[in-house]
Amino acid sequence: MKKHIFIFFIFALFFSACGTNPDEPVSDSPDSNPSGTADYLPKPEDGLLTRGEAYINSSDLLTMESYPLQFMLNLKGNTPTPCHQLRVLVNPPDAENKILVEVYSVSDPNAICVQVLSPFEVNIPLGSFAPGYYILLINGEQAAEFEA
């Protein structure tokens, strides 16, 4: 009987360690961000971090049913490790109506991290544009063409 109680105690201890921390805020939505800013936006402290790759598996340009038309970019891919943080910078259209989106990652060069790809999926609001024909470039490669 003592052996069963001991095994039960070990399982209870193990599973209680896997639970949530009561001091951490719990979010119902994976996209919620208490600071109100998107996690993927470049930050001033990024200058202290090392810039790295972000591997894009797919990109989709979504057109919202609104007036004026609103556009959103859906990106799916991977960062090199879980320690890499995704960054997305959307530049305004240039004189030729080309919109360059820079997708990359940043990481602490001194961090020790498991070497495994870390998946991401983000929706980046692009907003609305003046009427015209536009070309969307992601890291220099054409991803979409659209009319606003």
N, C-alpha and C. Protein backbone atom coordinates (compact mmCIF):
# COMPACT_ATOMS: atom_id res chain seq x y z
N MET A 1 0.83 -1.19 0.00
CA MET A 1 0.00 0.00 0.00
C MET A 1 0.87 1.26 0.00
N LYS A 2 1.98 1.23 0.75
CA LYS A 2 2.87 2.38 0.79
C LYS A 2 3.47 2.65 -0.59
N LYS A 3 3.70 1.58 -1.35
CA LYS A 3 4.25 1.74 -2.69
C LYS A 3 3.28 2.49 -3.60
N HIS A 4 1.96 2.22 -3.50
CA HIS A 4 0.95 2.90 -4.31
C HIS A 4 0.84 4.37 -3.93
N ILE A 5 0.92 4.66 -2.66
CA ILE A 5 0.85 6.05 -2.20
C ILE A 5 2.08 6.82 -2.70
N PHE A 6 3.24 6.18 -2.65
CA PHE A 6 4.46 6.82 -3.11
C PHE A 6 4.38 7.13 -4.61
N ILE A 7 3.90 6.16 -5.42
CA ILE A 7 3.76 6.36 -6.86
C ILE A 7 2.75 7.48 -7.13
N PHE A 8 1.64 7.48 -6.40
CA PHE A 8 0.64 8.54 -6.56
C PHE A 8 1.26 9.91 -6.25
N PHE A 9 2.05 9.98 -5.18
CA PHE A 9 2.69 11.23 -4.78
C PHE A 9 3.65 11.71 -5.87
N ILE A 10 4.41 10.79 -6.48
CA ILE A 10 5.35 11.16 -7.54
C ILE A 10 4.60 11.72 -8.75
N PHE A 11 3.50 11.03 -9.15
CA PHE A 11 2.70 11.53 -10.28
C PHE A 11 2.08 12.89 -9.96
N ALA A 12 1.56 13.06 -8.78
CA ALA A 12 0.95 14.33 -8.39
C ALA A 12 1.99 15.45 -8.42
N LEU A 13 3.18 15.17 -7.92
CA LEU A 13 4.25 16.17 -7.93
C LEU A 13 4.66 16.52 -9.36
N PHE A 14 4.77 15.50 -10.21
CA PHE A 14 5.16 15.73 -11.59
C PHE A 14 4.14 16.58 -12.33
N PHE A 15 2.86 16.23 -12.22
CA PHE A 15 1.83 16.96 -12.94
C PHE A 15 1.57 18.34 -12.38
N SER A 16 1.80 18.54 -11.11
CA SER A 16 1.63 19.88 -10.55
C SER A 16 2.74 20.80 -11.05
N ALA A 17 3.90 20.26 -11.34
CA ALA A 17 5.00 21.06 -11.87
C ALA A 17 4.72 21.49 -13.31
N CYS A 18 3.87 20.76 -14.01
CA CYS A 18 3.54 21.08 -15.40
C CYS A 18 2.39 22.07 -15.51
N GLY A 19 1.80 22.46 -14.42
CA GLY A 19 0.66 23.37 -14.44
C GLY A 19 1.07 24.80 -14.69
N THR A 20 0.10 25.68 -14.73
CA THR A 20 0.38 27.08 -14.96
C THR A 20 0.78 27.77 -13.67
N ASN A 21 1.50 28.84 -13.82
CA ASN A 21 1.92 29.64 -12.69
C ASN A 21 0.77 30.58 -12.33
N PRO A 22 0.28 30.55 -11.10
CA PRO A 22 -0.86 31.41 -10.76
C PRO A 22 -0.52 32.89 -10.79
N ASP A 23 0.77 33.25 -10.78
CA ASP A 23 1.15 34.66 -10.82
C ASP A 23 1.21 35.21 -12.25
N GLU A 24 1.18 34.30 -13.26
CA GLU A 24 1.23 34.75 -14.65
C GLU A 24 -0.17 35.06 -15.16
N PRO A 25 -0.32 36.13 -15.94
CA PRO A 25 -1.63 36.40 -16.52
C PRO A 25 -1.97 35.33 -17.54
N VAL A 26 -3.21 34.92 -17.61
CA VAL A 26 -3.67 33.90 -18.53
C VAL A 26 -4.46 34.58 -19.64
N SER A 27 -4.18 34.19 -20.87
CA SER A 27 -4.87 34.78 -22.01
C SER A 27 -5.71 33.73 -22.71
N ASP A 28 -6.93 34.09 -23.06
CA ASP A 28 -7.79 33.17 -23.81
C ASP A 28 -7.43 33.17 -25.28
N SER A 29 -6.82 34.24 -25.77
CA SER A 29 -6.52 34.37 -27.18
C SER A 29 -5.01 34.34 -27.39
N PRO A 30 -4.52 33.52 -28.34
CA PRO A 30 -3.09 33.50 -28.58
C PRO A 30 -2.58 34.79 -29.21
N ASP A 31 -3.48 35.58 -29.80
CA ASP A 31 -3.07 36.82 -30.44
C ASP A 31 -3.15 38.03 -29.53
N SER A 32 -3.63 37.83 -28.29
CA SER A 32 -3.78 38.99 -27.41
C SER A 32 -2.41 39.46 -26.95
N ASN A 33 -2.29 40.77 -26.79
CA ASN A 33 -1.04 41.37 -26.40
C ASN A 33 -1.37 42.51 -25.45
N PRO A 34 -1.03 42.38 -24.17
CA PRO A 34 -1.41 43.41 -23.21
C PRO A 34 -0.79 44.77 -23.49
N SER A 35 0.35 44.83 -24.17
CA SER A 35 0.98 46.12 -24.42
C SER A 35 0.28 46.89 -25.54
N GLY A 36 -0.55 46.20 -26.33
CA GLY A 36 -1.28 46.87 -27.40
C GLY A 36 -0.50 46.98 -28.70
N THR A 37 0.76 46.55 -28.72
CA THR A 37 1.54 46.57 -29.95
C THR A 37 1.81 45.15 -30.39
N ALA A 38 1.96 44.96 -31.68
CA ALA A 38 2.23 43.63 -32.23
C ALA A 38 3.64 43.19 -31.84
N ASP A 39 3.76 41.92 -31.49
CA ASP A 39 5.06 41.37 -31.09
C ASP A 39 6.06 41.36 -32.23
N TYR A 40 5.58 41.35 -33.47
CA TYR A 40 6.47 41.24 -34.62
C TYR A 40 7.05 42.59 -35.08
N LEU A 41 6.57 43.70 -34.53
CA LEU A 41 7.07 45.01 -34.96
C LEU A 41 8.49 45.23 -34.44
N PRO A 42 9.35 45.86 -35.25
CA PRO A 42 10.71 46.18 -34.77
C PRO A 42 10.65 47.04 -33.51
N LYS A 43 11.60 46.80 -32.61
CA LYS A 43 11.65 47.50 -31.33
C LYS A 43 12.99 48.21 -31.19
N PRO A 44 13.04 49.30 -30.41
CA PRO A 44 14.30 50.03 -30.26
C PRO A 44 15.44 49.16 -29.72
N GLU A 45 15.12 48.21 -28.85
CA GLU A 45 16.17 47.36 -28.26
C GLU A 45 16.69 46.31 -29.23
N ASP A 46 16.12 46.21 -30.43
CA ASP A 46 16.61 45.25 -31.42
C ASP A 46 18.04 45.54 -31.84
N GLY A 47 18.50 46.77 -31.67
CA GLY A 47 19.87 47.13 -32.02
C GLY A 47 20.90 46.35 -31.21
N LEU A 48 20.50 45.85 -30.05
CA LEU A 48 21.40 45.07 -29.20
C LEU A 48 21.38 43.59 -29.55
N LEU A 49 20.49 43.20 -30.45
CA LEU A 49 20.33 41.80 -30.81
C LEU A 49 20.93 41.53 -32.19
N THR A 50 21.14 40.26 -32.49
CA THR A 50 21.68 39.84 -33.78
C THR A 50 20.53 39.57 -34.74
N ARG A 51 20.64 40.13 -35.94
CA ARG A 51 19.60 39.91 -36.95
C ARG A 51 19.85 38.59 -37.65
N GLY A 52 18.77 37.83 -37.85
CA GLY A 52 18.88 36.52 -38.49
C GLY A 52 17.78 36.30 -39.49
N GLU A 53 17.70 35.10 -39.98
CA GLU A 53 16.71 34.72 -40.99
C GLU A 53 15.34 34.44 -40.39
N ALA A 54 14.34 34.55 -41.22
CA ALA A 54 13.00 34.03 -40.96
C ALA A 54 12.61 33.34 -42.25
N TYR A 55 12.25 32.07 -42.14
CA TYR A 55 11.95 31.27 -43.32
C TYR A 55 10.44 31.31 -43.58
N ILE A 56 10.06 31.81 -44.74
CA ILE A 56 8.64 31.95 -45.07
C ILE A 56 8.20 30.75 -45.91
N ASN A 57 7.20 30.04 -45.39
CA ASN A 57 6.65 28.89 -46.11
C ASN A 57 5.51 29.31 -47.04
N SER A 58 4.70 30.26 -46.58
CA SER A 58 3.60 30.74 -47.43
C SER A 58 3.21 32.15 -47.04
N SER A 59 2.69 32.86 -48.03
CA SER A 59 2.18 34.21 -47.80
C SER A 59 0.90 34.37 -48.60
N ASP A 60 -0.09 35.00 -47.98
CA ASP A 60 -1.37 35.26 -48.65
C ASP A 60 -1.77 36.70 -48.40
N LEU A 61 -2.15 37.38 -49.47
CA LEU A 61 -2.66 38.74 -49.35
C LEU A 61 -4.18 38.64 -49.26
N LEU A 62 -4.73 39.13 -48.19
CA LEU A 62 -6.17 39.08 -47.96
C LEU A 62 -6.76 40.47 -48.17
N THR A 63 -7.91 40.52 -48.83
CA THR A 63 -8.62 41.79 -49.06
C THR A 63 -9.86 41.79 -48.17
N MET A 64 -9.95 42.76 -47.31
CA MET A 64 -11.09 42.88 -46.40
C MET A 64 -12.26 43.52 -47.14
N GLU A 65 -13.45 43.10 -46.81
CA GLU A 65 -14.64 43.69 -47.42
C GLU A 65 -14.99 44.98 -46.68
N SER A 66 -14.38 46.04 -47.11
CA SER A 66 -14.60 47.34 -46.48
C SER A 66 -14.44 48.42 -47.54
N TYR A 67 -14.82 49.63 -47.17
CA TYR A 67 -14.59 50.75 -48.06
C TYR A 67 -13.93 51.86 -47.26
N PRO A 68 -12.76 52.31 -47.62
CA PRO A 68 -11.95 51.80 -48.72
C PRO A 68 -11.43 50.39 -48.41
N LEU A 69 -10.96 49.72 -49.47
CA LEU A 69 -10.44 48.37 -49.29
C LEU A 69 -9.29 48.36 -48.30
N GLN A 70 -9.30 47.38 -47.41
CA GLN A 70 -8.21 47.17 -46.45
C GLN A 70 -7.53 45.86 -46.82
N PHE A 71 -6.21 45.81 -46.63
CA PHE A 71 -5.45 44.62 -46.99
C PHE A 71 -4.71 44.08 -45.76
N MET A 72 -4.58 42.74 -45.74
CA MET A 72 -3.87 42.09 -44.65
C MET A 72 -2.98 41.01 -45.26
N LEU A 73 -1.78 40.86 -44.72
CA LEU A 73 -0.83 39.86 -45.18
C LEU A 73 -0.74 38.75 -44.14
N ASN A 74 -1.00 37.51 -44.57
CA ASN A 74 -0.87 36.35 -43.70
C ASN A 74 0.45 35.67 -44.04
N LEU A 75 1.31 35.52 -43.03
CA LEU A 75 2.60 34.86 -43.22
C LEU A 75 2.69 33.63 -42.35
N LYS A 76 3.17 32.53 -42.93
CA LYS A 76 3.45 31.30 -42.19
C LYS A 76 4.88 30.91 -42.48
N GLY A 77 5.58 30.50 -41.43
CA GLY A 77 6.97 30.10 -41.63
C GLY A 77 7.62 29.67 -40.34
N ASN A 78 8.94 29.81 -40.30
CA ASN A 78 9.72 29.38 -39.14
C ASN A 78 10.85 30.36 -38.87
N THR A 79 11.19 30.50 -37.59
CA THR A 79 12.42 31.17 -37.20
C THR A 79 13.44 30.07 -36.91
N PRO A 80 14.75 30.38 -36.96
CA PRO A 80 15.77 29.34 -36.80
C PRO A 80 15.71 28.59 -35.46
N THR A 81 15.34 29.27 -34.39
CA THR A 81 15.25 28.64 -33.07
C THR A 81 14.11 29.30 -32.29
N PRO A 82 13.68 28.69 -31.20
CA PRO A 82 12.68 29.34 -30.36
C PRO A 82 13.19 30.65 -29.72
N CYS A 83 14.49 30.84 -29.67
CA CYS A 83 15.06 32.07 -29.10
C CYS A 83 15.00 33.24 -30.07
N HIS A 84 14.79 32.97 -31.35
CA HIS A 84 14.67 34.04 -32.33
C HIS A 84 13.26 34.63 -32.27
N GLN A 85 13.19 35.95 -32.30
CA GLN A 85 11.92 36.66 -32.28
C GLN A 85 11.64 37.21 -33.69
N LEU A 86 10.43 36.98 -34.16
CA LEU A 86 10.05 37.43 -35.50
C LEU A 86 9.92 38.95 -35.54
N ARG A 87 10.37 39.53 -36.65
CA ARG A 87 10.19 40.96 -36.89
C ARG A 87 9.67 41.13 -38.32
N VAL A 88 8.70 42.03 -38.48
CA VAL A 88 8.13 42.35 -39.79
C VAL A 88 8.04 43.86 -39.90
N LEU A 89 8.66 44.41 -40.93
CA LEU A 89 8.64 45.84 -41.19
C LEU A 89 7.99 46.07 -42.54
N VAL A 90 6.87 46.80 -42.54
CA VAL A 90 6.16 47.11 -43.78
C VAL A 90 6.51 48.55 -44.17
N ASN A 91 7.17 48.69 -45.30
CA ASN A 91 7.54 50.02 -45.80
C ASN A 91 6.40 50.58 -46.62
N PRO A 92 6.24 51.91 -46.63
CA PRO A 92 5.18 52.51 -47.46
C PRO A 92 5.49 52.31 -48.94
N PRO A 93 4.48 52.41 -49.80
CA PRO A 93 4.72 52.24 -51.24
C PRO A 93 5.74 53.26 -51.74
N ASP A 94 6.62 52.82 -52.64
CA ASP A 94 7.59 53.74 -53.23
C ASP A 94 6.95 54.44 -54.44
N ALA A 95 7.75 55.15 -55.22
CA ALA A 95 7.24 55.91 -56.37
C ALA A 95 6.64 55.01 -57.45
N GLU A 96 7.04 53.73 -57.47
CA GLU A 96 6.52 52.77 -58.46
C GLU A 96 5.42 51.91 -57.87
N ASN A 97 4.87 52.31 -56.73
CA ASN A 97 3.82 51.56 -56.01
C ASN A 97 4.26 50.15 -55.62
N LYS A 98 5.52 50.00 -55.28
CA LYS A 98 6.03 48.74 -54.76
C LYS A 98 6.08 48.85 -53.24
N ILE A 99 5.53 47.83 -52.58
CA ILE A 99 5.50 47.79 -51.11
C ILE A 99 6.48 46.71 -50.67
N LEU A 100 7.55 47.11 -50.01
CA LEU A 100 8.56 46.16 -49.53
C LEU A 100 8.26 45.78 -48.09
N VAL A 101 8.11 44.48 -47.85
CA VAL A 101 7.92 43.95 -46.51
C VAL A 101 9.19 43.18 -46.14
N GLU A 102 9.81 43.59 -45.04
CA GLU A 102 11.02 42.92 -44.56
C GLU A 102 10.62 41.97 -43.43
N VAL A 103 10.96 40.69 -43.60
CA VAL A 103 10.65 39.68 -42.60
C VAL A 103 11.98 39.07 -42.15
N TYR A 104 12.26 39.15 -40.86
CA TYR A 104 13.53 38.64 -40.33
C TYR A 104 13.34 38.26 -38.87
N SER A 105 14.40 37.83 -38.24
CA SER A 105 14.33 37.49 -36.82
C SER A 105 15.50 38.17 -36.10
N VAL A 106 15.35 38.30 -34.80
CA VAL A 106 16.43 38.83 -33.96
C VAL A 106 16.60 37.89 -32.77
N SER A 107 17.84 37.83 -32.27
CA SER A 107 18.10 36.97 -31.12
C SER A 107 19.28 37.51 -30.33
N ASP A 108 19.33 37.12 -29.07
CA ASP A 108 20.45 37.47 -28.20
C ASP A 108 21.63 36.58 -28.58
N PRO A 109 22.76 37.17 -28.98
CA PRO A 109 23.89 36.35 -29.41
C PRO A 109 24.48 35.49 -28.28
N ASN A 110 24.19 35.83 -27.05
CA ASN A 110 24.74 35.08 -25.91
C ASN A 110 23.78 34.02 -25.38
N ALA A 111 22.59 33.95 -25.94
CA ALA A 111 21.60 33.00 -25.46
C ALA A 111 21.94 31.59 -25.93
N ILE A 112 21.71 30.63 -25.06
CA ILE A 112 21.87 29.22 -25.41
C ILE A 112 20.48 28.70 -25.71
N CYS A 113 20.32 28.13 -26.90
CA CYS A 113 18.98 27.74 -27.33
C CYS A 113 19.03 26.43 -28.09
N VAL A 114 17.98 25.66 -27.97
CA VAL A 114 17.86 24.41 -28.70
C VAL A 114 17.80 24.72 -30.20
N GLN A 115 18.49 23.94 -30.99
CA GLN A 115 18.56 24.17 -32.43
C GLN A 115 17.44 23.44 -33.14
N VAL A 116 16.26 24.05 -33.12
CA VAL A 116 15.09 23.48 -33.76
C VAL A 116 14.25 24.65 -34.30
N LEU A 117 13.67 24.46 -35.48
CA LEU A 117 12.85 25.51 -36.08
C LEU A 117 11.64 25.80 -35.19
N SER A 118 11.26 27.07 -35.15
CA SER A 118 10.12 27.50 -34.35
C SER A 118 9.07 28.10 -35.30
N PRO A 119 7.91 27.46 -35.43
CA PRO A 119 6.91 27.94 -36.40
C PRO A 119 6.23 29.24 -35.95
N PHE A 120 5.80 30.01 -36.94
CA PHE A 120 5.01 31.21 -36.67
C PHE A 120 3.93 31.34 -37.72
N GLU A 121 2.87 32.04 -37.35
CA GLU A 121 1.83 32.47 -38.27
C GLU A 121 1.34 33.82 -37.76
N VAL A 122 1.42 34.83 -38.60
CA VAL A 122 1.00 36.17 -38.21
C VAL A 122 0.16 36.80 -39.32
N ASN A 123 -0.74 37.67 -38.90
CA ASN A 123 -1.52 38.49 -39.81
C ASN A 123 -1.05 39.93 -39.63
N ILE A 124 -0.57 40.51 -40.71
CA ILE A 124 -0.03 41.87 -40.67
C ILE A 124 -0.99 42.79 -41.40
N PRO A 125 -1.63 43.72 -40.68
CA PRO A 125 -2.52 44.67 -41.36
C PRO A 125 -1.69 45.65 -42.20
N LEU A 126 -2.03 45.74 -43.48
CA LEU A 126 -1.32 46.66 -44.36
C LEU A 126 -2.08 47.98 -44.50
N GLY A 127 -3.35 47.98 -44.17
CA GLY A 127 -4.15 49.19 -44.26
C GLY A 127 -4.75 49.36 -45.64
N SER A 128 -5.04 50.61 -45.99
CA SER A 128 -5.63 50.92 -47.29
C SER A 128 -4.64 51.77 -48.08
N PHE A 129 -4.86 51.82 -49.38
CA PHE A 129 -3.95 52.53 -50.27
C PHE A 129 -4.76 53.39 -51.23
N ALA A 130 -4.10 54.41 -51.77
CA ALA A 130 -4.72 55.25 -52.80
C ALA A 130 -5.02 54.37 -54.01
N PRO A 131 -6.05 54.72 -54.78
CA PRO A 131 -6.36 53.90 -55.96
C PRO A 131 -5.13 53.74 -56.86
N GLY A 132 -4.93 52.52 -57.32
CA GLY A 132 -3.80 52.23 -58.18
C GLY A 132 -3.44 50.76 -58.17
N TYR A 133 -2.39 50.44 -58.93
CA TYR A 133 -1.89 49.07 -59.06
C TYR A 133 -0.63 48.95 -58.20
N TYR A 134 -0.55 47.91 -57.37
CA TYR A 134 0.55 47.75 -56.42
C TYR A 134 1.20 46.38 -56.56
N ILE A 135 2.48 46.34 -56.25
CA ILE A 135 3.24 45.08 -56.21
C ILE A 135 3.77 44.93 -54.78
N LEU A 136 3.50 43.78 -54.19
CA LEU A 136 3.95 43.47 -52.83
C LEU A 136 5.19 42.60 -52.90
N LEU A 137 6.27 43.07 -52.30
CA LEU A 137 7.53 42.32 -52.27
C LEU A 137 7.83 41.91 -50.82
N ILE A 138 8.17 40.64 -50.63
CA ILE A 138 8.56 40.15 -49.31
C ILE A 138 10.04 39.76 -49.40
N ASN A 139 10.86 40.46 -48.65
CA ASN A 139 12.32 40.25 -48.68
C ASN A 139 12.86 40.31 -50.11
N GLY A 140 12.32 41.25 -50.90
CA GLY A 140 12.80 41.47 -52.25
C GLY A 140 12.17 40.61 -53.32
N GLU A 141 11.37 39.61 -52.94
CA GLU A 141 10.73 38.74 -53.92
C GLU A 141 9.26 39.07 -54.05
N GLN A 142 8.78 39.12 -55.30
CA GLN A 142 7.37 39.46 -55.53
C GLN A 142 6.47 38.39 -54.93
N ALA A 143 5.50 38.83 -54.10
CA ALA A 143 4.58 37.92 -53.45
C ALA A 143 3.16 38.08 -53.97
N ALA A 144 2.80 39.31 -54.41
CA ALA A 144 1.44 39.54 -54.88
C ALA A 144 1.37 40.84 -55.68
N GLU A 145 0.33 40.93 -56.50
CA GLU A 145 -0.03 42.14 -57.21
C GLU A 145 -1.50 42.40 -56.90
N PHE A 146 -1.85 43.67 -56.73
CA PHE A 146 -3.25 43.97 -56.43
C PHE A 146 -3.58 45.40 -56.83
N GLU A 147 -4.89 45.63 -56.95
CA GLU A 147 -5.40 46.97 -57.22
C GLU A 147 -6.17 47.47 -56.02
N ALA A 148 -5.95 48.71 -55.71
CA ALA A 148 -6.68 49.32 -54.58
C ALA A 148 -7.67 50.31 -55.13
